[in-house]
Amino acid sequence: QGVGRVIAYVKEAMLAGRLQPGDRLLP
């Protein structure tokens, strides 16, 4: 469930444009 939560976060952020190629994730 935790892995799914992380993957969902990255996917949704990319779809929304909050994360783009080259962007760094939080520490």
PDB file of all heavy atoms in Angstrom:
ATOM      1  N   GLN A   1       0.828  -1.198   0.000  1.00  0.00           N
ATOM      2  CA  GLN A   1       0.000   0.000   0.000  1.00  0.00           C
ATOM      3  C   GLN A   1       0.865   1.251   0.000  1.00  0.00           C
ATOM      4  O   GLN A   1       0.564   2.244  -0.668  1.00  0.00           O
ATOM      5  CB  GLN A   1      -0.923  -0.021   1.221  1.00  0.00           C
ATOM      6  CG  GLN A   1      -2.002  -1.094   1.155  1.00  0.00           C
ATOM      7  CD  GLN A   1      -2.774  -1.212   2.463  1.00  0.00           C
ATOM      8  OE1 GLN A   1      -2.461  -0.552   3.446  1.00  0.00           O
ATOM      9  NE2 GLN A   1      -3.771  -2.087   2.468  1.00  0.00           N
ATOM     10  N   GLY A   2       1.966   1.200   0.779  1.00  0.00           N
ATOM     11  CA  GLY A   2       2.860   2.353   0.825  1.00  0.00           C
ATOM     12  C   GLY A   2       3.539   2.603  -0.504  1.00  0.00           C
ATOM     13  O   GLY A   2       3.649   3.746  -0.957  1.00  0.00           O
ATOM     14  N   VAL A   3       3.996   1.538  -1.159  1.00  0.00           N
ATOM     15  CA  VAL A   3       4.609   1.675  -2.479  1.00  0.00           C
ATOM     16  C   VAL A   3       3.614   2.279  -3.458  1.00  0.00           C
ATOM     17  O   VAL A   3       3.937   3.182  -4.237  1.00  0.00           O
ATOM     18  CB  VAL A   3       5.109   0.302  -2.996  1.00  0.00           C
ATOM     19  CG1 VAL A   3       5.485   0.380  -4.467  1.00  0.00           C
ATOM     20  CG2 VAL A   3       6.298  -0.162  -2.170  1.00  0.00           C
ATOM     21  N   GLY A   4       2.378   1.785  -3.403  1.00  0.00           N
ATOM     22  CA  GLY A   4       1.338   2.323  -4.277  1.00  0.00           C
ATOM     23  C   GLY A   4       1.081   3.796  -4.018  1.00  0.00           C
ATOM     24  O   GLY A   4       0.822   4.570  -4.950  1.00  0.00           O
ATOM     25  N   ARG A   5       1.177   4.193  -2.757  1.00  0.00           N
ATOM     26  CA  ARG A   5       0.956   5.593  -2.406  1.00  0.00           C
ATOM     27  C   ARG A   5       2.049   6.479  -3.008  1.00  0.00           C
ATOM     28  O   ARG A   5       1.776   7.562  -3.527  1.00  0.00           O
ATOM     29  CB  ARG A   5       0.941   5.756  -0.890  1.00  0.00           C
ATOM     30  CG  ARG A   5       0.527   7.142  -0.414  1.00  0.00           C
ATOM     31  CD  ARG A   5       0.532   7.210   1.104  1.00  0.00           C
ATOM     32  NE  ARG A   5      -0.310   6.173   1.682  1.00  0.00           N
ATOM     33  CZ  ARG A   5      -0.332   5.868   2.974  1.00  0.00           C
ATOM     34  NH1 ARG A   5       0.473   6.498   3.818  1.00  0.00           N
ATOM     35  NH2 ARG A   5      -1.127   4.929   3.426  1.00  0.00           N
ATOM     36  N   VAL A   6       3.296   6.003  -2.951  1.00  0.00           N
ATOM     37  CA  VAL A   6       4.400   6.782  -3.515  1.00  0.00           C
ATOM     38  C   VAL A   6       4.248   6.899  -5.032  1.00  0.00           C
ATOM     39  O   VAL A   6       4.389   7.984  -5.608  1.00  0.00           O
ATOM     40  CB  VAL A   6       5.758   6.129  -3.175  1.00  0.00           C
ATOM     41  CG1 VAL A   6       6.901   6.889  -3.852  1.00  0.00           C
ATOM     42  CG2 VAL A   6       5.970   6.098  -1.667  1.00  0.00           C
ATOM     43  N   ILE A   7       3.955   5.778  -5.687  1.00  0.00           N
ATOM     44  CA  ILE A   7       3.811   5.789  -7.142  1.00  0.00           C
ATOM     45  C   ILE A   7       2.650   6.680  -7.560  1.00  0.00           C
ATOM     46  O   ILE A   7       2.750   7.448  -8.530  1.00  0.00           O
ATOM     47  CB  ILE A   7       3.620   4.350  -7.661  1.00  0.00           C
ATOM     48  CG1 ILE A   7       4.913   3.553  -7.437  1.00  0.00           C
ATOM     49  CG2 ILE A   7       3.224   4.345  -9.136  1.00  0.00           C
ATOM     50  CD1 ILE A   7       4.799   2.081  -7.760  1.00  0.00           C
ATOM     51  N   ALA A   8       1.541   6.612  -6.817  1.00  0.00           N
ATOM     52  CA  ALA A   8       0.386   7.466  -7.125  1.00  0.00           C
ATOM     53  C   ALA A   8       0.741   8.935  -6.976  1.00  0.00           C
ATOM     54  O   ALA A   8       0.315   9.780  -7.784  1.00  0.00           O
ATOM     55  CB  ALA A   8      -0.785   7.101  -6.218  1.00  0.00           C
ATOM     56  N   TYR A   9       1.524   9.249  -5.952  1.00  0.00           N
ATOM     57  CA  TYR A   9       1.933  10.639  -5.731  1.00  0.00           C
ATOM     58  C   TYR A   9       2.734  11.165  -6.919  1.00  0.00           C
ATOM     59  O   TYR A   9       2.468  12.259  -7.438  1.00  0.00           O
ATOM     60  CB  TYR A   9       2.764  10.737  -4.445  1.00  0.00           C
ATOM     61  CG  TYR A   9       3.578  12.003  -4.345  1.00  0.00           C
ATOM     62  CD1 TYR A   9       2.987  13.209  -3.971  1.00  0.00           C
ATOM     63  CD2 TYR A   9       4.949  12.000  -4.642  1.00  0.00           C
ATOM     64  CE1 TYR A   9       3.743  14.377  -3.903  1.00  0.00           C
ATOM     65  CE2 TYR A   9       5.702  13.153  -4.576  1.00  0.00           C
ATOM     66  CZ  TYR A   9       5.092  14.342  -4.196  1.00  0.00           C
ATOM     67  OH  TYR A   9       5.831  15.491  -4.130  1.00  0.00           O
ATOM     68  N   VAL A  10       3.725  10.383  -7.363  1.00  0.00           N
ATOM     69  CA  VAL A  10       4.560  10.824  -8.475  1.00  0.00           C
ATOM     70  C   VAL A  10       3.733  10.949  -9.747  1.00  0.00           C
ATOM     71  O   VAL A  10       3.844  11.929 -10.496  1.00  0.00           O
ATOM     72  CB  VAL A  10       5.739   9.848  -8.686  1.00  0.00           C
ATOM     73  CG1 VAL A  10       6.520  10.213  -9.948  1.00  0.00           C
ATOM     74  CG2 VAL A  10       6.663   9.871  -7.472  1.00  0.00           C
ATOM     75  N   LYS A  11       2.874   9.972 -10.004  1.00  0.00           N
ATOM     76  CA  LYS A  11       2.046   9.996 -11.212  1.00  0.00           C
ATOM     77  C   LYS A  11       1.117  11.208 -11.227  1.00  0.00           C
ATOM     78  O   LYS A  11       1.033  11.935 -12.230  1.00  0.00           O
ATOM     79  CB  LYS A  11       1.225   8.709 -11.305  1.00  0.00           C
ATOM     80  CG  LYS A  11       0.293   8.645 -12.517  1.00  0.00           C
ATOM     81  CD  LYS A  11      -0.387   7.297 -12.602  1.00  0.00           C
ATOM     82  CE  LYS A  11      -1.309   7.061 -11.422  1.00  0.00           C
ATOM     83  NZ  LYS A  11      -2.054   5.770 -11.544  1.00  0.00           N
ATOM     84  N   GLU A  12       0.434  11.442 -10.126  1.00  0.00           N
ATOM     85  CA  GLU A  12      -0.506  12.557 -10.063  1.00  0.00           C
ATOM     86  C   GLU A  12       0.212  13.896 -10.171  1.00  0.00           C
ATOM     87  O   GLU A  12      -0.286  14.835 -10.822  1.00  0.00           O
ATOM     88  CB  GLU A  12      -1.308  12.484  -8.760  1.00  0.00           C
ATOM     89  CG  GLU A  12      -2.293  11.313  -8.731  1.00  0.00           C
ATOM     90  CD  GLU A  12      -2.835  11.038  -7.342  1.00  0.00           C
ATOM     91  OE1 GLU A  12      -2.557  11.856  -6.427  1.00  0.00           O
ATOM     92  OE2 GLU A  12      -3.517  10.015  -7.163  1.00  0.00           O
ATOM     93  N   ALA A  13       1.400  13.998  -9.542  1.00  0.00           N
ATOM     94  CA  ALA A  13       2.157  15.250  -9.611  1.00  0.00           C
ATOM     95  C   ALA A  13       2.626  15.525 -11.034  1.00  0.00           C
ATOM     96  O   ALA A  13       2.631  16.676 -11.494  1.00  0.00           O
ATOM     97  CB  ALA A  13       3.344  15.193  -8.653  1.00  0.00           C
ATOM     98  N   MET A  14       3.007  14.466 -11.767  1.00  0.00           N
ATOM     99  CA  MET A  14       3.434  14.652 -13.151  1.00  0.00           C
ATOM    100  C   MET A  14       2.254  15.028 -14.040  1.00  0.00           C
ATOM    101  O   MET A  14       2.367  15.907 -14.901  1.00  0.00           O
ATOM    102  CB  MET A  14       4.109  13.378 -13.665  1.00  0.00           C
ATOM    103  CG  MET A  14       5.450  13.091 -13.004  1.00  0.00           C
ATOM    104  SD  MET A  14       6.275  11.600 -13.644  1.00  0.00           S
ATOM    105  CE  MET A  14       6.757  12.172 -15.288  1.00  0.00           C
ATOM    106  N   LEU A  15       1.111  14.381 -13.828  1.00  0.00           N
ATOM    107  CA  LEU A  15      -0.078  14.709 -14.620  1.00  0.00           C
ATOM    108  C   LEU A  15      -0.535  16.138 -14.385  1.00  0.00           C
ATOM    109  O   LEU A  15      -1.013  16.816 -15.296  1.00  0.00           O
ATOM    110  CB  LEU A  15      -1.211  13.728 -14.296  1.00  0.00           C
ATOM    111  CG  LEU A  15      -1.049  12.301 -14.826  1.00  0.00           C
ATOM    112  CD1 LEU A  15      -2.134  11.396 -14.268  1.00  0.00           C
ATOM    113  CD2 LEU A  15      -1.093  12.292 -16.356  1.00  0.00           C
ATOM    114  N   ALA A  16      -0.381  16.596 -13.139  1.00  0.00           N
ATOM    115  CA  ALA A  16      -0.807  17.960 -12.795  1.00  0.00           C
ATOM    116  C   ALA A  16       0.234  19.004 -13.174  1.00  0.00           C
ATOM    117  O   ALA A  16      -0.034  20.205 -13.087  1.00  0.00           O
ATOM    118  CB  ALA A  16      -1.098  18.042 -11.299  1.00  0.00           C
ATOM    119  N   GLY A  17       1.414  18.557 -13.581  1.00  0.00           N
ATOM    120  CA  GLY A  17       2.459  19.492 -13.963  1.00  0.00           C
ATOM    121  C   GLY A  17       3.292  20.004 -12.810  1.00  0.00           C
ATOM    122  O   GLY A  17       4.151  20.872 -12.998  1.00  0.00           O
ATOM    123  N   ARG A  18       3.074  19.448 -11.617  1.00  0.00           N
ATOM    124  CA  ARG A  18       3.868  19.882 -10.469  1.00  0.00           C
ATOM    125  C   ARG A  18       5.267  19.275 -10.504  1.00  0.00           C
ATOM    126  O   ARG A  18       6.188  19.817  -9.909  1.00  0.00           O
ATOM    127  CB  ARG A  18       3.166  19.513  -9.157  1.00  0.00           C
ATOM    128  CG  ARG A  18       1.821  20.190  -8.953  1.00  0.00           C
ATOM    129  CD  ARG A  18       1.317  20.005  -7.529  1.00  0.00           C
ATOM    130  NE  ARG A  18       1.190  18.602  -7.170  1.00  0.00           N
ATOM    131  CZ  ARG A  18       0.108  17.860  -7.407  1.00  0.00           C
ATOM    132  NH1 ARG A  18      -0.930  18.396  -8.030  1.00  0.00           N
ATOM    133  NH2 ARG A  18       0.058  16.589  -7.049  1.00  0.00           N
ATOM    134  N   LEU A  19       5.395  18.148 -11.162  1.00  0.00           N
ATOM    135  CA  LEU A  19       6.692  17.517 -11.355  1.00  0.00           C
ATOM    136  C   LEU A  19       6.924  17.322 -12.843  1.00  0.00           C
ATOM    137  O   LEU A  19       6.041  16.840 -13.562  1.00  0.00           O
ATOM    138  CB  LEU A  19       6.759  16.155 -10.655  1.00  0.00           C
ATOM    139  CG  LEU A  19       6.938  16.148  -9.139  1.00  0.00           C
ATOM    140  CD1 LEU A  19       6.869  14.714  -8.611  1.00  0.00           C
ATOM    141  CD2 LEU A  19       8.259  16.786  -8.735  1.00  0.00           C
ATOM    142  N   GLN A  20       8.097  17.693 -13.302  1.00  0.00           N
ATOM    143  CA  GLN A  20       8.459  17.557 -14.697  1.00  0.00           C
ATOM    144  C   GLN A  20       9.858  16.963 -14.791  1.00  0.00           C
ATOM    145  O   GLN A  20      10.622  17.002 -13.815  1.00  0.00           O
ATOM    146  CB  GLN A  20       8.403  18.915 -15.398  1.00  0.00           C
ATOM    147  CG  GLN A  20       7.018  19.539 -15.409  1.00  0.00           C
ATOM    148  CD  GLN A  20       6.991  20.881 -16.116  1.00  0.00           C
ATOM    149  OE1 GLN A  20       7.951  21.266 -16.787  1.00  0.00           O
ATOM    150  NE2 GLN A  20       5.891  21.603 -15.969  1.00  0.00           N
ATOM    151  N   PRO A  21      10.215  16.400 -15.958  1.00  0.00           N
ATOM    152  CA  PRO A  21      11.561  15.862 -16.103  1.00  0.00           C
ATOM    153  C   PRO A  21      12.617  16.887 -15.699  1.00  0.00           C
ATOM    154  O   PRO A  21      12.568  18.039 -16.125  1.00  0.00           O
ATOM    155  CB  PRO A  21      11.637  15.521 -17.593  1.00  0.00           C
ATOM    156  CG  PRO A  21      10.217  15.191 -17.957  1.00  0.00           C
ATOM    157  CD  PRO A  21       9.385  16.162 -17.161  1.00  0.00           C
ATOM    158  N   GLY A  22      13.541  16.444 -14.870  1.00  0.00           N
ATOM    159  CA  GLY A  22      14.586  17.337 -14.372  1.00  0.00           C
ATOM    160  C   GLY A  22      14.323  17.841 -12.975  1.00  0.00           C
ATOM    161  O   GLY A  22      15.246  18.313 -12.295  1.00  0.00           O
ATOM    162  N   ASP A  23      13.066  17.773 -12.513  1.00  0.00           N
ATOM    163  CA  ASP A  23      12.736  18.229 -11.164  1.00  0.00           C
ATOM    164  C   ASP A  23      13.244  17.226 -10.133  1.00  0.00           C
ATOM    165  O   ASP A  23      13.227  16.016 -10.356  1.00  0.00           O
ATOM    166  CB  ASP A  23      11.226  18.400 -11.000  1.00  0.00           C
ATOM    167  CG  ASP A  23      10.689  19.610 -11.746  1.00  0.00           C
ATOM    168  OD1 ASP A  23      11.519  20.436 -12.197  1.00  0.00           O
ATOM    169  OD2 ASP A  23       9.468  19.733 -11.885  1.00  0.00           O
ATOM    170  N   ARG A  24      13.647  17.757  -8.985  1.00  0.00           N
ATOM    171  CA  ARG A  24      14.163  16.922  -7.904  1.00  0.00           C
ATOM    172  C   ARG A  24      13.054  16.663  -6.890  1.00  0.00           C
ATOM    173  O   ARG A  24      12.310  17.579  -6.513  1.00  0.00           O
ATOM    174  CB  ARG A  24      15.342  17.625  -7.231  1.00  0.00           C
ATOM    175  CG  ARG A  24      16.194  16.732  -6.351  1.00  0.00           C
ATOM    176  CD  ARG A  24      17.366  17.536  -5.783  1.00  0.00           C
ATOM    177  NE  ARG A  24      18.099  18.229  -6.818  1.00  0.00           N
ATOM    178  CZ  ARG A  24      18.998  17.657  -7.617  1.00  0.00           C
ATOM    179  NH1 ARG A  24      19.271  16.368  -7.471  1.00  0.00           N
ATOM    180  NH2 ARG A  24      19.624  18.347  -8.544  1.00  0.00           N
ATOM    181  N   LEU A  25      12.932  15.422  -6.461  1.00  0.00           N
ATOM    182  CA  LEU A  25      11.977  15.088  -5.411  1.00  0.00           C
ATOM    183  C   LEU A  25      12.466  15.619  -4.069  1.00  0.00           C
ATOM    184  O   LEU A  25      13.651  15.944  -3.903  1.00  0.00           O
ATOM    185  CB  LEU A  25      11.789  13.574  -5.324  1.00  0.00           C
ATOM    186  CG  LEU A  25      11.101  12.895  -6.512  1.00  0.00           C
ATOM    187  CD1 LEU A  25      11.155  11.381  -6.351  1.00  0.00           C
ATOM    188  CD2 LEU A  25       9.665  13.357  -6.643  1.00  0.00           C
ATOM    189  N   LEU A  26      11.562  15.699  -3.110  1.00  0.00           N
ATOM    190  CA  LEU A  26      11.948  16.098  -1.766  1.00  0.00           C
ATOM    191  C   LEU A  26      13.002  15.140  -1.217  1.00  0.00           C
ATOM    192  O   LEU A  26      13.070  13.982  -1.644  1.00  0.00           O
ATOM    193  CB  LEU A  26      10.727  16.060  -0.840  1.00  0.00           C
ATOM    194  CG  LEU A  26       9.641  17.125  -1.041  1.00  0.00           C
ATOM    195  CD1 LEU A  26       8.433  16.790  -0.174  1.00  0.00           C
ATOM    196  CD2 LEU A  26      10.182  18.508  -0.715  1.00  0.00           C
ATOM    197  N   PRO A  27      13.827  15.587  -0.278  1.00  0.00           N
ATOM    198  CA  PRO A  27      14.759  14.658   0.364  1.00  0.00           C
ATOM    199  C   PRO A  27      14.001  13.457   0.929  1.00  0.00           C
ATOM    200  O   PRO A  27      12.828  13.558   1.303  1.00  0.00           O
ATOM    201  CB  PRO A  27      15.383  15.493   1.477  1.00  0.00           C
ATOM    202  CG  PRO A  27      15.277  16.902   0.978  1.00  0.00           C
ATOM    203  CD  PRO A  27      13.980  16.965   0.224  1.00  0.00           C
TER     204      PRO A  27
END
